[in-house]
Protein backbone atom coordinates (compact mmCIF):
# COMPACT_ATOMS: atom_id res chain seq x y z
CA MET A 1 14.55 17.89 -12.06
CA SER A 2 12.96 15.02 -14.32
CA LYS A 3 15.07 12.53 -15.94
CA PHE A 4 12.38 12.06 -18.82
CA GLU A 5 12.24 13.85 -21.88
CA PRO A 6 8.70 15.32 -22.62
CA GLY A 7 5.82 12.59 -22.30
CA GLY A 8 8.46 10.27 -21.07
CA ASP A 9 7.21 10.17 -17.63
CA ALA A 10 3.47 8.88 -18.71
CA GLN A 11 5.48 6.64 -21.08
CA ALA A 12 7.27 4.98 -18.11
CA ILE A 13 3.96 4.90 -15.82
CA SER A 14 2.46 3.06 -18.92
CA ARG A 15 5.02 0.66 -19.54
CA ILE A 16 4.93 -0.40 -16.02
CA ALA A 17 0.78 -0.44 -15.46
CA SER A 18 0.77 -2.75 -18.70
CA ALA A 19 3.72 -4.91 -17.84
CA ARG A 20 4.07 -5.36 -14.22
CA TYR A 21 0.40 -4.73 -13.23
CA GLY A 22 -1.60 -5.76 -16.65
CA SER A 23 -3.59 -2.53 -16.57
CA PHE A 24 -4.03 0.94 -15.13
CA ALA A 25 -7.33 -0.10 -13.53
CA ALA A 26 -5.27 -2.86 -12.04
CA MET A 27 -2.18 -0.75 -10.67
CA PHE A 28 -4.70 1.78 -9.07
CA GLU A 29 -6.98 -1.21 -7.19
CA GLN A 30 -3.57 -2.74 -5.79
CA HIS A 31 -2.21 0.65 -4.47
CA GLY A 32 -5.87 1.50 -3.32
CA TRP A 33 -6.24 4.57 -5.28
CA ALA A 34 -10.14 5.41 -5.83
CA GLU A 35 -9.90 6.37 -9.50
CA ARG A 36 -11.35 4.36 -12.13
CA GLY A 37 -12.13 5.19 -15.60
CA SER A 38 -11.18 8.25 -17.52
CA ASP A 39 -10.39 9.80 -13.78
CA MET A 40 -7.59 7.66 -13.59
CA MET A 41 -5.65 9.30 -16.65
CA ARG A 42 -5.83 12.52 -15.14
CA LYS A 43 -4.36 11.49 -11.34
CA VAL A 44 -2.09 8.58 -12.16
CA GLN A 45 0.78 11.02 -12.19
CA THR A 46 -0.37 12.53 -8.59
CA ARG A 47 -0.98 9.27 -7.29
CA VAL A 48 2.34 8.01 -8.39
CA LYS A 49 4.42 10.81 -6.80
CA GLU A 50 2.27 10.86 -3.73
CA HIS A 51 3.02 6.90 -3.00
CA TYR A 52 6.57 6.72 -4.53
CA GLY A 53 7.93 10.52 -4.25
CA SER A 54 8.41 10.81 -7.98
CA ILE A 55 7.97 9.31 -11.39
CA ALA A 56 11.82 8.37 -11.20
CA ALA A 57 11.62 6.66 -7.82
CA PHE A 58 8.03 4.74 -8.99
CA VAL A 59 10.20 3.73 -12.09
CA ASP A 60 13.49 2.71 -10.45
CA TYR A 61 11.63 0.90 -7.75
CA HIS A 62 9.74 -1.58 -10.36
CA ASP A 63 12.99 -1.71 -12.34
CA LYS A 64 14.61 -3.21 -9.49
CA ALA A 65 11.90 -5.27 -8.43
CA ASP A 66 12.40 -7.08 -12.08
CA GLN A 67 15.82 -7.62 -11.69
């Protein structure tokens, strides 16, 4: 079960990509994810879930690291 409203998971990923990495491209590069360009938007939620287990875990990880 997600703790996000519809579209909230994408907004959370976007917020963290911008604030923490500077861009989606930089986030993908830092994680070693191969997609670039428009492919990033199609795969970002899949990659985040593969790496962190869930969108909520991704958000929690980055929000705790910022504290």
